[in-house]
Amino acid sequence: MLTYQRKEMNQAIVLTLEGLLNLQTTRILQKEVSFLEKQPLPIVIIDATALNQIDSAGVGTLVSLFKLVKGQDKNFKIVGLHRQPLEIFKLLNLHKVIVLHETLE
C-alpha cells in the first residue's frame, strides 16, 4: 500500500511517500503528473523517508516525474531514500542523475 501527502514549502512542492511504490500503487501518483505540469513553483521534492520498498514500475514513475519536472526547467530532488529503495537507485546509477539528499532540511 502507498499513501502520499502533498504540501508547499519554501518555493517547493513536497510529495511525501509512505509504504510501497510498485506496479499496483504507481497509479495513485498518476494524478500528480497533471498537477505538477500546472505548478509554477520551481522545485519538486520527493520525500522518500517512509518509502519502504520500490520496484521497476515505481522507479519508472519517479523517472517520469523527474523528466516532466526537468522538461519544465525546474529542480527535482529526492530526500530520505534508504535501504532497498536506495540500493535500487544505486544499482541503476540513478543517484548520478537525480539529486539525492539524506533529509528534507
N, C-alpha and C. Protein backbone atom coordinates (compact mmCIF):
# COMPACT_ATOMS: atom_id res chain seq x y z
N MET A 1 0.84 -1.17 0.00
CA MET A 1 0.00 0.00 0.00
C MET A 1 0.89 1.25 0.00
N LEU A 2 0.42 2.29 -0.66
CA LEU A 2 1.14 3.56 -0.72
C LEU A 2 0.20 4.68 -0.31
N THR A 3 0.70 5.56 0.53
CA THR A 3 -0.01 6.80 0.82
C THR A 3 0.94 7.93 0.51
N TYR A 4 0.38 9.08 0.19
CA TYR A 4 1.23 10.23 -0.05
C TYR A 4 0.51 11.49 0.38
N GLN A 5 1.31 12.50 0.62
CA GLN A 5 0.80 13.80 1.01
C GLN A 5 1.55 14.86 0.22
N ARG A 6 0.83 15.87 -0.23
CA ARG A 6 1.43 16.97 -0.99
C ARG A 6 1.35 18.23 -0.15
N LYS A 7 2.46 18.98 -0.10
CA LYS A 7 2.43 20.27 0.60
C LYS A 7 3.41 21.23 -0.07
N GLU A 8 3.18 22.52 0.14
CA GLU A 8 4.09 23.55 -0.34
C GLU A 8 5.00 23.95 0.81
N MET A 9 6.29 24.16 0.46
CA MET A 9 7.26 24.52 1.47
C MET A 9 8.41 25.28 0.83
N ASN A 10 8.57 26.54 1.13
CA ASN A 10 9.72 27.33 0.66
C ASN A 10 9.96 27.20 -0.85
N GLN A 11 9.02 27.62 -1.65
CA GLN A 11 9.14 27.59 -3.11
C GLN A 11 9.23 26.18 -3.69
N ALA A 12 8.76 25.20 -2.93
CA ALA A 12 8.82 23.81 -3.40
C ALA A 12 7.49 23.10 -3.15
N ILE A 13 7.23 22.14 -4.02
CA ILE A 13 6.16 21.17 -3.79
C ILE A 13 6.83 19.93 -3.23
N VAL A 14 6.37 19.46 -2.09
CA VAL A 14 6.94 18.27 -1.46
C VAL A 14 5.90 17.17 -1.50
N LEU A 15 6.25 16.04 -2.11
CA LEU A 15 5.40 14.84 -2.12
C LEU A 15 6.03 13.84 -1.15
N THR A 16 5.34 13.57 -0.06
CA THR A 16 5.83 12.62 0.93
C THR A 16 5.20 11.27 0.65
N LEU A 17 6.04 10.27 0.38
CA LEU A 17 5.57 8.93 0.06
C LEU A 17 5.78 8.01 1.25
N GLU A 18 4.80 7.13 1.48
CA GLU A 18 4.91 6.17 2.57
C GLU A 18 4.40 4.81 2.12
N GLY A 19 5.21 3.78 2.35
CA GLY A 19 4.79 2.43 2.03
C GLY A 19 5.54 1.83 0.86
N LEU A 20 4.79 1.22 -0.05
CA LEU A 20 5.37 0.51 -1.18
C LEU A 20 5.03 1.23 -2.49
N LEU A 21 6.04 1.50 -3.30
CA LEU A 21 5.81 2.08 -4.62
C LEU A 21 6.10 0.97 -5.64
N ASN A 22 5.02 0.34 -6.11
CA ASN A 22 5.16 -0.78 -7.03
C ASN A 22 4.10 -0.69 -8.12
N LEU A 23 4.01 -1.73 -8.93
CA LEU A 23 3.09 -1.73 -10.07
C LEU A 23 1.65 -1.41 -9.65
N GLN A 24 1.23 -1.94 -8.53
CA GLN A 24 -0.14 -1.71 -8.10
C GLN A 24 -0.36 -0.30 -7.55
N THR A 25 0.65 0.30 -6.96
CA THR A 25 0.45 1.59 -6.30
C THR A 25 0.89 2.80 -7.13
N THR A 26 1.57 2.59 -8.24
CA THR A 26 2.02 3.74 -9.03
C THR A 26 0.85 4.53 -9.59
N ARG A 27 -0.28 3.88 -9.80
CA ARG A 27 -1.46 4.59 -10.32
C ARG A 27 -1.91 5.70 -9.39
N ILE A 28 -1.63 5.54 -8.10
CA ILE A 28 -2.00 6.56 -7.13
C ILE A 28 -1.30 7.87 -7.45
N LEU A 29 -0.06 7.80 -7.92
CA LEU A 29 0.72 9.01 -8.21
C LEU A 29 0.44 9.59 -9.59
N GLN A 30 -0.27 8.88 -10.44
CA GLN A 30 -0.50 9.37 -11.80
C GLN A 30 -1.23 10.71 -11.82
N LYS A 31 -2.14 10.95 -10.88
CA LYS A 31 -2.84 12.22 -10.87
C LYS A 31 -1.92 13.38 -10.51
N GLU A 32 -0.80 13.09 -9.87
CA GLU A 32 0.16 14.14 -9.55
C GLU A 32 0.84 14.68 -10.80
N VAL A 33 0.93 13.88 -11.83
CA VAL A 33 1.58 14.32 -13.07
C VAL A 33 0.86 15.54 -13.63
N SER A 34 -0.46 15.48 -13.74
CA SER A 34 -1.19 16.62 -14.28
C SER A 34 -1.13 17.82 -13.32
N PHE A 35 -1.10 17.56 -12.02
CA PHE A 35 -0.97 18.65 -11.05
C PHE A 35 0.39 19.34 -11.19
N LEU A 36 1.45 18.56 -11.29
CA LEU A 36 2.80 19.13 -11.37
C LEU A 36 3.03 19.90 -12.66
N GLU A 37 2.37 19.47 -13.73
CA GLU A 37 2.50 20.19 -15.01
C GLU A 37 2.03 21.62 -14.90
N LYS A 38 1.09 21.88 -14.01
CA LYS A 38 0.48 23.20 -13.89
C LYS A 38 1.08 24.03 -12.76
N GLN A 39 1.99 23.48 -12.00
CA GLN A 39 2.54 24.16 -10.84
C GLN A 39 3.64 25.15 -11.22
N PRO A 40 3.55 26.39 -10.72
CA PRO A 40 4.58 27.38 -11.02
C PRO A 40 5.80 27.29 -10.10
N LEU A 41 5.71 26.57 -8.99
CA LEU A 41 6.84 26.51 -8.06
C LEU A 41 8.04 25.83 -8.72
N PRO A 42 9.26 26.35 -8.47
CA PRO A 42 10.44 25.91 -9.21
C PRO A 42 11.10 24.62 -8.72
N ILE A 43 10.63 24.05 -7.62
CA ILE A 43 11.29 22.86 -7.06
C ILE A 43 10.24 21.80 -6.73
N VAL A 44 10.54 20.56 -7.09
CA VAL A 44 9.71 19.42 -6.70
C VAL A 44 10.60 18.47 -5.90
N ILE A 45 10.14 18.14 -4.70
CA ILE A 45 10.90 17.26 -3.81
C ILE A 45 10.05 16.03 -3.49
N ILE A 46 10.63 14.86 -3.68
CA ILE A 46 10.00 13.62 -3.26
C ILE A 46 10.63 13.24 -1.92
N ASP A 47 9.82 13.21 -0.88
CA ASP A 47 10.30 12.79 0.44
C ASP A 47 10.04 11.29 0.56
N ALA A 48 11.11 10.52 0.46
CA ALA A 48 11.01 9.06 0.47
C ALA A 48 11.44 8.47 1.80
N THR A 49 11.44 9.27 2.85
CA THR A 49 11.89 8.81 4.16
C THR A 49 11.08 7.59 4.63
N ALA A 50 9.78 7.58 4.34
CA ALA A 50 8.91 6.48 4.79
C ALA A 50 8.60 5.49 3.66
N LEU A 51 9.34 5.59 2.56
CA LEU A 51 9.17 4.64 1.46
C LEU A 51 9.97 3.39 1.78
N ASN A 52 9.28 2.26 1.94
CA ASN A 52 9.93 1.03 2.38
C ASN A 52 10.45 0.16 1.25
N GLN A 53 9.77 0.20 0.10
CA GLN A 53 10.16 -0.68 -0.99
C GLN A 53 9.72 -0.08 -2.31
N ILE A 54 10.50 -0.37 -3.37
CA ILE A 54 10.19 0.12 -4.69
C ILE A 54 10.52 -0.98 -5.70
N ASP A 55 9.75 -1.05 -6.78
CA ASP A 55 10.06 -2.00 -7.85
C ASP A 55 10.30 -1.21 -9.14
N SER A 56 10.45 -1.91 -10.24
CA SER A 56 10.78 -1.24 -11.51
C SER A 56 9.68 -0.28 -11.94
N ALA A 57 8.43 -0.60 -11.68
CA ALA A 57 7.34 0.32 -12.03
C ALA A 57 7.42 1.59 -11.19
N GLY A 58 7.77 1.44 -9.92
CA GLY A 58 7.93 2.60 -9.05
C GLY A 58 9.09 3.48 -9.49
N VAL A 59 10.19 2.84 -9.85
CA VAL A 59 11.34 3.59 -10.37
C VAL A 59 10.95 4.32 -11.64
N GLY A 60 10.22 3.64 -12.52
CA GLY A 60 9.77 4.27 -13.76
C GLY A 60 8.89 5.48 -13.51
N THR A 61 8.04 5.40 -12.51
CA THR A 61 7.17 6.53 -12.16
C THR A 61 8.00 7.72 -11.69
N LEU A 62 8.98 7.47 -10.82
CA LEU A 62 9.83 8.56 -10.34
C LEU A 62 10.67 9.16 -11.47
N VAL A 63 11.16 8.31 -12.37
CA VAL A 63 11.93 8.81 -13.52
C VAL A 63 11.02 9.64 -14.43
N SER A 64 9.78 9.22 -14.61
CA SER A 64 8.83 10.01 -15.42
C SER A 64 8.57 11.37 -14.79
N LEU A 65 8.40 11.41 -13.48
CA LEU A 65 8.22 12.69 -12.78
C LEU A 65 9.47 13.56 -12.94
N PHE A 66 10.64 12.94 -12.82
CA PHE A 66 11.90 13.66 -13.00
C PHE A 66 11.96 14.30 -14.39
N LYS A 67 11.63 13.53 -15.41
CA LYS A 67 11.67 14.05 -16.79
C LYS A 67 10.66 15.18 -16.99
N LEU A 68 9.48 15.03 -16.43
CA LEU A 68 8.46 16.07 -16.53
C LEU A 68 8.94 17.37 -15.89
N VAL A 69 9.45 17.26 -14.69
CA VAL A 69 9.90 18.45 -13.95
C VAL A 69 11.10 19.09 -14.64
N LYS A 70 12.08 18.29 -15.04
CA LYS A 70 13.26 18.83 -15.72
C LYS A 70 12.88 19.44 -17.07
N GLY A 71 11.90 18.89 -17.74
CA GLY A 71 11.43 19.43 -19.02
C GLY A 71 10.81 20.81 -18.87
N GLN A 72 10.42 21.15 -17.65
CA GLN A 72 9.87 22.47 -17.36
C GLN A 72 10.91 23.38 -16.72
N ASP A 73 12.18 22.99 -16.79
CA ASP A 73 13.30 23.74 -16.21
C ASP A 73 13.13 23.99 -14.72
N LYS A 74 12.65 22.98 -14.02
CA LYS A 74 12.50 23.05 -12.57
C LYS A 74 13.50 22.08 -11.94
N ASN A 75 13.72 22.21 -10.65
CA ASN A 75 14.60 21.32 -9.91
C ASN A 75 13.81 20.15 -9.35
N PHE A 76 14.40 18.97 -9.39
CA PHE A 76 13.78 17.75 -8.88
C PHE A 76 14.77 17.10 -7.92
N LYS A 77 14.30 16.78 -6.73
CA LYS A 77 15.17 16.17 -5.73
C LYS A 77 14.40 15.07 -5.01
N ILE A 78 15.15 14.09 -4.55
CA ILE A 78 14.57 13.03 -3.71
C ILE A 78 15.34 13.04 -2.39
N VAL A 79 14.59 13.02 -1.31
CA VAL A 79 15.22 13.00 0.01
C VAL A 79 14.81 11.75 0.78
N GLY A 80 15.71 11.30 1.64
CA GLY A 80 15.39 10.23 2.57
C GLY A 80 15.41 8.82 2.01
N LEU A 81 15.93 8.62 0.80
CA LEU A 81 16.00 7.24 0.30
C LEU A 81 16.90 6.42 1.22
N HIS A 82 16.47 5.23 1.55
CA HIS A 82 17.26 4.35 2.41
C HIS A 82 16.92 2.90 2.11
N ARG A 83 17.67 2.02 2.65
CA ARG A 83 17.51 0.57 2.49
C ARG A 83 17.28 0.17 1.03
N GLN A 84 16.27 -0.63 0.78
CA GLN A 84 16.05 -1.21 -0.55
C GLN A 84 15.85 -0.15 -1.64
N PRO A 85 15.05 0.90 -1.42
CA PRO A 85 14.92 1.90 -2.49
C PRO A 85 16.25 2.56 -2.86
N LEU A 86 17.08 2.85 -1.88
CA LEU A 86 18.39 3.45 -2.16
C LEU A 86 19.28 2.47 -2.91
N GLU A 87 19.26 1.21 -2.52
CA GLU A 87 20.05 0.19 -3.20
C GLU A 87 19.65 0.08 -4.68
N ILE A 88 18.36 0.14 -4.96
CA ILE A 88 17.88 0.08 -6.34
C ILE A 88 18.38 1.29 -7.13
N PHE A 89 18.28 2.48 -6.54
CA PHE A 89 18.75 3.69 -7.22
C PHE A 89 20.24 3.60 -7.53
N LYS A 90 21.02 3.07 -6.59
CA LYS A 90 22.46 2.93 -6.82
C LYS A 90 22.75 1.86 -7.86
N LEU A 91 22.03 0.77 -7.82
CA LEU A 91 22.21 -0.30 -8.79
C LEU A 91 21.97 0.21 -10.21
N LEU A 92 20.98 1.08 -10.38
CA LEU A 92 20.64 1.64 -11.69
C LEU A 92 21.41 2.93 -12.01
N ASN A 93 22.30 3.34 -11.11
CA ASN A 93 23.08 4.57 -11.26
C ASN A 93 22.21 5.83 -11.34
N LEU A 94 21.00 5.76 -10.82
CA LEU A 94 20.13 6.93 -10.84
C LEU A 94 20.59 8.01 -9.86
N HIS A 95 21.36 7.61 -8.85
CA HIS A 95 21.89 8.58 -7.91
C HIS A 95 22.89 9.53 -8.57
N LYS A 96 23.34 9.19 -9.77
CA LYS A 96 24.25 10.07 -10.52
C LYS A 96 23.48 11.05 -11.40
N VAL A 97 22.18 10.82 -11.58
CA VAL A 97 21.35 11.66 -12.44
C VAL A 97 20.38 12.51 -11.64
N ILE A 98 19.76 11.91 -10.65
CA ILE A 98 18.77 12.58 -9.82
C ILE A 98 19.43 13.00 -8.51
N VAL A 99 19.21 14.24 -8.12
CA VAL A 99 19.80 14.76 -6.88
C VAL A 99 19.14 14.07 -5.68
N LEU A 100 19.97 13.44 -4.83
CA LEU A 100 19.50 12.78 -3.63
C LEU A 100 20.07 13.50 -2.41
N HIS A 101 19.24 13.67 -1.39
CA HIS A 101 19.65 14.25 -0.13
C HIS A 101 19.20 13.33 0.99
N GLU A 102 19.92 13.36 2.10
CA GLU A 102 19.56 12.49 3.22
C GLU A 102 18.29 12.95 3.93
N THR A 103 18.14 14.28 4.09
CA THR A 103 16.98 14.80 4.81
C THR A 103 16.34 15.95 4.05
N LEU A 104 15.16 16.31 4.45
CA LEU A 104 14.43 17.41 3.83
C LEU A 104 15.08 18.75 4.13
N GLU A 105 15.69 18.89 5.29
CA GLU A 105 16.34 20.14 5.65
C GLU A 105 17.49 20.40 4.71
